[in-house]
Amino acid sequence: MRNLNLLPLLLLLCAACAGAGEPWVELGGRRYGVEIAADDHSRARGLMFRDALAEDRGMLFIHEREERQAYWMKNTRIPLDILYFDDGLRLVSQQRDVPPCTSGVGCPAYPSAGPARYVLELNAGEAARLGLSDGESLRLGPGIADR
């Protein structure tokens, strides 16, 4: 009988452990599971050729150093918010509601207003929904800063 009482606790622990390995960031009081793009190849591919991005998901691009960044939407099928963060994880620039550019030709660049090292792409409208202002802090989940 005692073993049956432990079953709910064990199930809860297993559920917590299952999601523990997924990278995440927190912004504006909300947590997002993120894919990490920390090398040239993954940064170049980004969210190309995707038809959707789950509501609680995003992609975090990590650059080797803080400098002005410019992103484009080549072969990207979903509208995005592109958020630029400095070395201190402070929001330095926002490009909101960036439209898709599926043609792959003539896609404009969306630059940061200042030097950035981290770039977070979320579904379009998230920055407005969170009421983000420049200076907002990004919190990285365990292990992300080590990449």
N, C-alpha and C. Protein backbone atom coordinates (compact mmCIF):
# COMPACT_ATOMS: atom_id res chain seq x y z
N MET A 1 0.82 -1.20 0.00
CA MET A 1 0.00 0.00 0.00
C MET A 1 0.87 1.26 0.00
N ARG A 2 1.99 1.22 0.74
CA ARG A 2 2.87 2.39 0.77
C ARG A 2 3.42 2.70 -0.61
N ASN A 3 3.69 1.69 -1.41
CA ASN A 3 4.23 1.91 -2.75
C ASN A 3 3.25 2.66 -3.63
N LEU A 4 1.95 2.43 -3.47
CA LEU A 4 0.95 3.14 -4.25
C LEU A 4 0.92 4.62 -3.90
N ASN A 5 1.22 4.96 -2.66
CA ASN A 5 1.26 6.37 -2.26
C ASN A 5 2.43 7.11 -2.89
N LEU A 6 3.48 6.40 -3.22
CA LEU A 6 4.65 7.01 -3.84
C LEU A 6 4.49 7.20 -5.34
N LEU A 7 3.56 6.49 -5.95
CA LEU A 7 3.39 6.55 -7.40
C LEU A 7 3.15 7.97 -7.92
N PRO A 8 2.23 8.76 -7.34
CA PRO A 8 2.05 10.13 -7.86
C PRO A 8 3.32 10.98 -7.75
N LEU A 9 4.07 10.81 -6.68
CA LEU A 9 5.31 11.56 -6.51
C LEU A 9 6.34 11.16 -7.57
N LEU A 10 6.47 9.87 -7.83
CA LEU A 10 7.40 9.40 -8.84
C LEU A 10 7.01 9.89 -10.23
N LEU A 11 5.74 9.89 -10.54
CA LEU A 11 5.29 10.39 -11.84
C LEU A 11 5.60 11.87 -12.00
N LEU A 12 5.41 12.64 -10.94
CA LEU A 12 5.71 14.07 -10.97
C LEU A 12 7.21 14.30 -11.18
N LEU A 13 8.03 13.54 -10.48
CA LEU A 13 9.48 13.67 -10.64
C LEU A 13 9.92 13.29 -12.05
N CYS A 14 9.34 12.24 -12.62
CA CYS A 14 9.68 11.83 -13.99
C CYS A 14 9.30 12.91 -14.99
N ALA A 15 8.15 13.53 -14.81
CA ALA A 15 7.71 14.59 -15.71
C ALA A 15 8.65 15.78 -15.62
N ALA A 16 9.08 16.13 -14.43
CA ALA A 16 10.00 17.26 -14.25
C ALA A 16 11.35 16.96 -14.90
N CYS A 17 11.83 15.75 -14.77
CA CYS A 17 13.13 15.38 -15.34
C CYS A 17 13.07 15.35 -16.86
N ALA A 18 11.95 14.97 -17.44
CA ALA A 18 11.83 14.85 -18.89
C ALA A 18 12.06 16.19 -19.58
N GLY A 19 11.59 17.30 -19.00
CA GLY A 19 11.75 18.61 -19.61
C GLY A 19 12.99 19.36 -19.15
N ALA A 20 13.76 18.76 -18.25
CA ALA A 20 14.89 19.46 -17.66
C ALA A 20 16.01 19.73 -18.65
N GLY A 21 16.15 18.91 -19.71
CA GLY A 21 17.25 19.07 -20.63
C GLY A 21 17.01 20.08 -21.73
N GLU A 22 15.79 20.55 -21.90
CA GLU A 22 15.48 21.48 -22.98
C GLU A 22 15.98 22.89 -22.64
N PRO A 23 16.72 23.50 -23.55
CA PRO A 23 17.15 24.88 -23.30
C PRO A 23 15.96 25.83 -23.22
N TRP A 24 16.07 26.84 -22.38
CA TRP A 24 14.99 27.82 -22.23
C TRP A 24 15.57 29.19 -21.90
N VAL A 25 14.73 30.19 -22.18
CA VAL A 25 15.02 31.56 -21.78
C VAL A 25 13.77 32.12 -21.12
N GLU A 26 13.96 33.14 -20.30
CA GLU A 26 12.82 33.85 -19.72
C GLU A 26 12.91 35.32 -20.12
N LEU A 27 11.76 35.84 -20.49
CA LEU A 27 11.68 37.23 -20.92
C LEU A 27 10.30 37.76 -20.58
N GLY A 28 10.27 38.91 -19.93
CA GLY A 28 8.98 39.52 -19.61
C GLY A 28 8.09 38.64 -18.76
N GLY A 29 8.70 37.81 -17.90
CA GLY A 29 7.93 36.94 -17.02
C GLY A 29 7.42 35.67 -17.70
N ARG A 30 7.89 35.39 -18.90
CA ARG A 30 7.43 34.21 -19.64
C ARG A 30 8.63 33.35 -20.03
N ARG A 31 8.46 32.05 -19.93
CA ARG A 31 9.52 31.12 -20.31
C ARG A 31 9.24 30.55 -21.70
N TYR A 32 10.31 30.49 -22.52
CA TYR A 32 10.23 29.95 -23.87
C TYR A 32 11.26 28.84 -24.03
N GLY A 33 10.86 27.71 -24.54
CA GLY A 33 11.80 26.68 -24.96
C GLY A 33 12.47 27.18 -26.22
N VAL A 34 13.79 27.03 -26.32
CA VAL A 34 14.50 27.58 -27.48
C VAL A 34 15.40 26.55 -28.12
N GLU A 35 15.52 26.69 -29.42
CA GLU A 35 16.56 26.01 -30.17
C GLU A 35 17.74 26.98 -30.16
N ILE A 36 18.93 26.42 -30.08
CA ILE A 36 20.13 27.25 -30.02
C ILE A 36 20.84 27.24 -31.37
N ALA A 37 21.19 28.42 -31.87
CA ALA A 37 21.98 28.56 -33.08
C ALA A 37 23.27 29.28 -32.68
N ALA A 38 24.33 28.50 -32.48
CA ALA A 38 25.57 29.07 -31.95
C ALA A 38 26.76 28.92 -32.90
N ASP A 39 26.52 28.41 -34.10
CA ASP A 39 27.60 28.32 -35.08
C ASP A 39 27.11 28.92 -36.40
N ASP A 40 28.04 29.16 -37.31
CA ASP A 40 27.69 29.84 -38.57
C ASP A 40 26.59 29.12 -39.33
N HIS A 41 26.67 27.80 -39.41
CA HIS A 41 25.68 27.03 -40.18
C HIS A 41 24.28 27.16 -39.57
N SER A 42 24.16 26.94 -38.28
CA SER A 42 22.82 27.00 -37.65
C SER A 42 22.28 28.43 -37.62
N ARG A 43 23.16 29.43 -37.49
CA ARG A 43 22.69 30.82 -37.54
C ARG A 43 22.20 31.17 -38.94
N ALA A 44 22.89 30.69 -39.98
CA ALA A 44 22.48 30.98 -41.36
C ALA A 44 21.15 30.31 -41.68
N ARG A 45 20.92 29.13 -41.18
CA ARG A 45 19.66 28.41 -41.46
C ARG A 45 18.51 28.97 -40.65
N GLY A 46 18.75 29.27 -39.39
CA GLY A 46 17.71 29.86 -38.55
C GLY A 46 16.39 29.12 -38.62
N LEU A 47 15.32 29.85 -38.83
CA LEU A 47 13.98 29.27 -38.89
C LEU A 47 13.47 29.13 -40.33
N MET A 48 14.39 29.02 -41.27
CA MET A 48 14.00 28.86 -42.68
C MET A 48 13.15 27.60 -42.88
N PHE A 49 12.22 27.71 -43.83
CA PHE A 49 11.42 26.59 -44.32
C PHE A 49 10.48 26.00 -43.26
N ARG A 50 10.23 26.70 -42.19
CA ARG A 50 9.28 26.23 -41.18
C ARG A 50 7.92 26.84 -41.45
N ASP A 51 6.89 26.06 -41.26
CA ASP A 51 5.52 26.53 -41.48
C ASP A 51 4.89 27.11 -40.22
N ALA A 52 5.47 26.80 -39.06
CA ALA A 52 4.90 27.28 -37.80
C ALA A 52 5.97 27.24 -36.71
N LEU A 53 5.72 28.01 -35.68
CA LEU A 53 6.55 28.02 -34.48
C LEU A 53 5.58 27.97 -33.31
N ALA A 54 5.71 26.97 -32.46
CA ALA A 54 4.79 26.83 -31.32
C ALA A 54 4.80 28.11 -30.48
N GLU A 55 3.69 28.37 -29.84
CA GLU A 55 3.48 29.60 -29.07
C GLU A 55 4.54 29.83 -28.00
N ASP A 56 5.02 28.79 -27.39
CA ASP A 56 5.97 28.92 -26.27
C ASP A 56 7.40 28.58 -26.69
N ARG A 57 7.71 28.75 -27.98
CA ARG A 57 9.01 28.39 -28.51
C ARG A 57 9.68 29.57 -29.20
N GLY A 58 10.98 29.45 -29.39
CA GLY A 58 11.74 30.46 -30.11
C GLY A 58 13.07 29.91 -30.52
N MET A 59 13.89 30.76 -31.12
CA MET A 59 15.25 30.38 -31.47
C MET A 59 16.18 31.46 -30.92
N LEU A 60 17.22 31.02 -30.22
CA LEU A 60 18.22 31.92 -29.66
C LEU A 60 19.51 31.78 -30.46
N PHE A 61 19.95 32.90 -31.04
CA PHE A 61 21.19 32.96 -31.81
C PHE A 61 22.26 33.53 -30.89
N ILE A 62 23.39 32.85 -30.81
CA ILE A 62 24.49 33.31 -29.96
C ILE A 62 25.68 33.60 -30.86
N HIS A 63 26.18 34.82 -30.77
CA HIS A 63 27.33 35.25 -31.56
C HIS A 63 28.59 35.25 -30.69
N GLU A 64 29.75 35.16 -31.35
CA GLU A 64 31.03 35.10 -30.62
C GLU A 64 31.32 36.38 -29.87
N ARG A 65 30.85 37.52 -30.40
CA ARG A 65 31.13 38.80 -29.74
C ARG A 65 29.96 39.75 -29.95
N GLU A 66 29.96 40.76 -29.13
CA GLU A 66 28.93 41.79 -29.21
C GLU A 66 29.29 42.77 -30.33
N GLU A 67 28.38 42.93 -31.30
CA GLU A 67 28.55 43.89 -32.39
C GLU A 67 27.18 44.10 -33.03
N ARG A 68 27.08 45.08 -33.88
CA ARG A 68 25.81 45.29 -34.58
C ARG A 68 25.48 44.04 -35.38
N GLN A 69 24.22 43.66 -35.31
CA GLN A 69 23.74 42.47 -36.03
C GLN A 69 22.67 42.91 -37.02
N ALA A 70 22.50 42.13 -38.07
CA ALA A 70 21.40 42.36 -39.02
C ALA A 70 20.88 41.00 -39.45
N TYR A 71 19.59 40.81 -39.30
CA TYR A 71 18.95 39.55 -39.67
C TYR A 71 17.99 39.78 -40.82
N TRP A 72 17.79 38.74 -41.60
CA TRP A 72 16.83 38.81 -42.68
C TRP A 72 15.91 37.60 -42.61
N MET A 73 14.90 37.60 -43.46
CA MET A 73 13.86 36.57 -43.39
C MET A 73 13.88 35.67 -44.62
N LYS A 74 15.03 35.54 -45.25
CA LYS A 74 15.13 34.72 -46.45
C LYS A 74 14.58 33.31 -46.18
N ASN A 75 13.66 32.87 -47.05
CA ASN A 75 13.04 31.54 -46.97
C ASN A 75 12.36 31.27 -45.63
N THR A 76 11.97 32.32 -44.94
CA THR A 76 11.24 32.18 -43.68
C THR A 76 9.76 32.39 -43.96
N ARG A 77 8.96 31.45 -43.51
CA ARG A 77 7.54 31.42 -43.86
C ARG A 77 6.63 31.99 -42.78
N ILE A 78 7.18 32.32 -41.63
CA ILE A 78 6.35 32.79 -40.51
C ILE A 78 6.81 34.18 -40.07
N PRO A 79 5.88 35.06 -39.73
CA PRO A 79 6.27 36.39 -39.23
C PRO A 79 6.89 36.26 -37.83
N LEU A 80 7.89 37.08 -37.57
CA LEU A 80 8.63 36.97 -36.32
C LEU A 80 8.87 38.33 -35.68
N ASP A 81 9.14 38.30 -34.37
CA ASP A 81 9.75 39.41 -33.65
C ASP A 81 11.23 39.04 -33.51
N ILE A 82 12.11 39.98 -33.84
CA ILE A 82 13.56 39.76 -33.72
C ILE A 82 14.05 40.69 -32.62
N LEU A 83 14.57 40.10 -31.55
CA LEU A 83 14.96 40.86 -30.36
C LEU A 83 16.47 40.72 -30.13
N TYR A 84 17.15 41.85 -30.01
CA TYR A 84 18.60 41.90 -29.90
C TYR A 84 19.02 42.24 -28.47
N PHE A 85 19.95 41.45 -27.93
CA PHE A 85 20.41 41.62 -26.55
C PHE A 85 21.93 41.76 -26.52
N ASP A 86 22.43 42.60 -25.61
CA ASP A 86 23.87 42.81 -25.48
C ASP A 86 24.52 41.74 -24.60
N ASP A 87 25.81 41.90 -24.33
CA ASP A 87 26.54 40.95 -23.48
C ASP A 87 25.91 40.82 -22.09
N GLY A 88 25.33 41.89 -21.60
CA GLY A 88 24.69 41.89 -20.28
C GLY A 88 23.26 41.36 -20.31
N LEU A 89 22.83 40.84 -21.46
CA LEU A 89 21.49 40.29 -21.65
C LEU A 89 20.39 41.33 -21.51
N ARG A 90 20.71 42.56 -21.87
CA ARG A 90 19.73 43.66 -21.90
C ARG A 90 19.25 43.87 -23.33
N LEU A 91 17.96 44.05 -23.48
CA LEU A 91 17.36 44.28 -24.79
C LEU A 91 17.82 45.64 -25.32
N VAL A 92 18.50 45.61 -26.47
CA VAL A 92 19.03 46.85 -27.04
C VAL A 92 18.28 47.28 -28.30
N SER A 93 17.52 46.37 -28.89
CA SER A 93 16.83 46.70 -30.13
C SER A 93 15.74 45.67 -30.40
N GLN A 94 14.68 46.13 -31.06
CA GLN A 94 13.56 45.24 -31.40
C GLN A 94 13.13 45.48 -32.84
N GLN A 95 12.90 44.41 -33.54
CA GLN A 95 12.27 44.46 -34.85
C GLN A 95 11.00 43.62 -34.71
N ARG A 96 9.87 44.30 -34.64
CA ARG A 96 8.60 43.61 -34.39
C ARG A 96 7.82 43.34 -35.67
N ASP A 97 7.08 42.24 -35.63
CA ASP A 97 6.18 41.88 -36.74
C ASP A 97 6.88 41.88 -38.09
N VAL A 98 8.04 41.25 -38.13
CA VAL A 98 8.80 41.17 -39.37
C VAL A 98 8.12 40.15 -40.29
N PRO A 99 7.77 40.58 -41.51
CA PRO A 99 7.02 39.69 -42.41
C PRO A 99 7.91 38.62 -43.03
N PRO A 100 7.31 37.49 -43.42
CA PRO A 100 8.06 36.44 -44.11
C PRO A 100 8.62 36.95 -45.43
N CYS A 101 9.65 36.28 -45.91
CA CYS A 101 10.21 36.56 -47.23
C CYS A 101 10.52 35.21 -47.87
N THR A 102 9.50 34.63 -48.47
CA THR A 102 9.64 33.28 -49.01
C THR A 102 10.29 33.26 -50.38
N SER A 103 10.43 34.41 -51.02
CA SER A 103 11.01 34.42 -52.36
C SER A 103 12.49 34.08 -52.34
N GLY A 104 13.17 34.39 -51.24
CA GLY A 104 14.60 34.14 -51.15
C GLY A 104 15.44 35.19 -51.87
N VAL A 105 14.77 36.14 -52.55
CA VAL A 105 15.47 37.18 -53.30
C VAL A 105 14.92 38.53 -52.86
N GLY A 106 15.81 39.50 -52.66
CA GLY A 106 15.37 40.84 -52.30
C GLY A 106 14.80 40.96 -50.90
N CYS A 107 15.18 40.06 -50.02
CA CYS A 107 14.70 40.14 -48.64
C CYS A 107 15.49 41.22 -47.90
N PRO A 108 14.80 42.18 -47.27
CA PRO A 108 15.53 43.24 -46.58
C PRO A 108 16.16 42.75 -45.27
N ALA A 109 17.18 43.45 -44.84
CA ALA A 109 17.82 43.17 -43.55
C ALA A 109 17.13 43.98 -42.46
N TYR A 110 17.11 43.43 -41.27
CA TYR A 110 16.52 44.09 -40.10
C TYR A 110 17.63 44.24 -39.06
N PRO A 111 18.30 45.39 -39.03
CA PRO A 111 19.47 45.57 -38.17
C PRO A 111 19.12 45.92 -36.72
N SER A 112 20.08 45.65 -35.86
CA SER A 112 19.97 46.09 -34.47
C SER A 112 20.36 47.57 -34.40
N ALA A 113 19.81 48.27 -33.44
CA ALA A 113 20.12 49.69 -33.26
C ALA A 113 21.46 49.88 -32.56
N GLY A 114 21.95 48.82 -31.92
CA GLY A 114 23.22 48.90 -31.21
C GLY A 114 23.87 47.53 -31.19
N PRO A 115 25.06 47.43 -30.60
CA PRO A 115 25.76 46.15 -30.53
C PRO A 115 24.95 45.10 -29.76
N ALA A 116 24.95 43.88 -30.28
CA ALA A 116 24.22 42.78 -29.65
C ALA A 116 25.04 41.50 -29.78
N ARG A 117 24.86 40.61 -28.84
CA ARG A 117 25.51 39.29 -28.91
C ARG A 117 24.49 38.18 -29.02
N TYR A 118 23.31 38.38 -28.44
CA TYR A 118 22.25 37.38 -28.45
C TYR A 118 21.07 37.93 -29.24
N VAL A 119 20.46 37.06 -30.05
CA VAL A 119 19.29 37.44 -30.83
C VAL A 119 18.23 36.38 -30.59
N LEU A 120 17.06 36.82 -30.17
CA LEU A 120 15.95 35.90 -29.89
C LEU A 120 14.85 36.14 -30.90
N GLU A 121 14.46 35.09 -31.60
CA GLU A 121 13.34 35.17 -32.52
C GLU A 121 12.14 34.45 -31.91
N LEU A 122 11.03 35.18 -31.85
CA LEU A 122 9.77 34.66 -31.34
C LEU A 122 8.68 34.94 -32.37
N ASN A 123 7.55 34.31 -32.20
CA ASN A 123 6.42 34.60 -33.08
C ASN A 123 6.10 36.08 -33.06
N ALA A 124 5.73 36.62 -34.21
CA ALA A 124 5.34 38.03 -34.30
C ALA A 124 4.21 38.30 -33.31
N GLY A 125 4.31 39.45 -32.65
CA GLY A 125 3.30 39.85 -31.68
C GLY A 125 3.68 39.56 -30.24
N GLU A 126 4.69 38.70 -30.01
CA GLU A 126 5.09 38.37 -28.64
C GLU A 126 5.66 39.58 -27.91
N ALA A 127 6.49 40.38 -28.57
CA ALA A 127 7.08 41.55 -27.91
C ALA A 127 5.99 42.51 -27.47
N ALA A 128 4.99 42.73 -28.31
CA ALA A 128 3.88 43.62 -27.95
C ALA A 128 3.06 43.01 -26.81
N ARG A 129 2.81 41.72 -26.89
CA ARG A 129 2.02 41.05 -25.86
C ARG A 129 2.70 41.13 -24.49
N LEU A 130 4.03 41.03 -24.49
CA LEU A 130 4.79 41.12 -23.25
C LEU A 130 5.03 42.56 -22.82
N GLY A 131 4.75 43.51 -23.71
CA GLY A 131 5.00 44.92 -23.41
C GLY A 131 6.47 45.23 -23.25
N LEU A 132 7.31 44.66 -24.10
CA LEU A 132 8.76 44.81 -23.96
C LEU A 132 9.23 46.22 -24.27
N SER A 133 10.17 46.67 -23.47
CA SER A 133 10.86 47.95 -23.69
C SER A 133 12.35 47.67 -23.74
N ASP A 134 13.08 48.51 -24.47
CA ASP A 134 14.53 48.36 -24.47
C ASP A 134 15.03 48.45 -23.03
N GLY A 135 16.03 47.63 -22.72
CA GLY A 135 16.55 47.55 -21.35
C GLY A 135 16.03 46.34 -20.60
N GLU A 136 15.00 45.70 -21.12
CA GLU A 136 14.45 44.49 -20.50
C GLU A 136 15.53 43.42 -20.42
N SER A 137 15.50 42.62 -19.36
CA SER A 137 16.51 41.57 -19.16
C SER A 137 16.05 40.23 -19.70
N LEU A 138 16.98 39.51 -20.31
CA LEU A 138 16.78 38.15 -20.75
C LEU A 138 17.48 37.24 -19.77
N ARG A 139 16.82 36.18 -19.37
CA ARG A 139 17.43 35.20 -18.47
C ARG A 139 17.64 33.92 -19.26
N LEU A 140 18.88 33.41 -19.22
CA LEU A 140 19.24 32.18 -19.91
C LEU A 140 19.11 31.00 -18.98
N GLY A 141 18.57 29.89 -19.49
CA GLY A 141 18.50 28.66 -18.72
C GLY A 141 19.89 28.07 -18.52
N PRO A 142 19.98 27.06 -17.68
CA PRO A 142 21.28 26.43 -17.37
C PRO A 142 22.00 25.95 -18.61
N GLY A 143 23.30 26.23 -18.67
CA GLY A 143 24.15 25.73 -19.73
C GLY A 143 24.18 26.56 -21.00
N ILE A 144 23.25 27.46 -21.21
CA ILE A 144 23.22 28.21 -22.47
C ILE A 144 24.42 29.16 -22.56
N ALA A 145 24.76 29.82 -21.51
CA ALA A 145 25.87 30.79 -21.53
C ALA A 145 27.21 30.12 -21.81
N ASP A 146 27.29 28.81 -21.58
CA ASP A 146 28.55 28.09 -21.78
C ASP A 146 28.80 27.75 -23.25
N ARG A 147 27.84 27.99 -24.11
CA ARG A 147 27.98 27.59 -25.53
C ARG A 147 28.80 28.60 -26.30
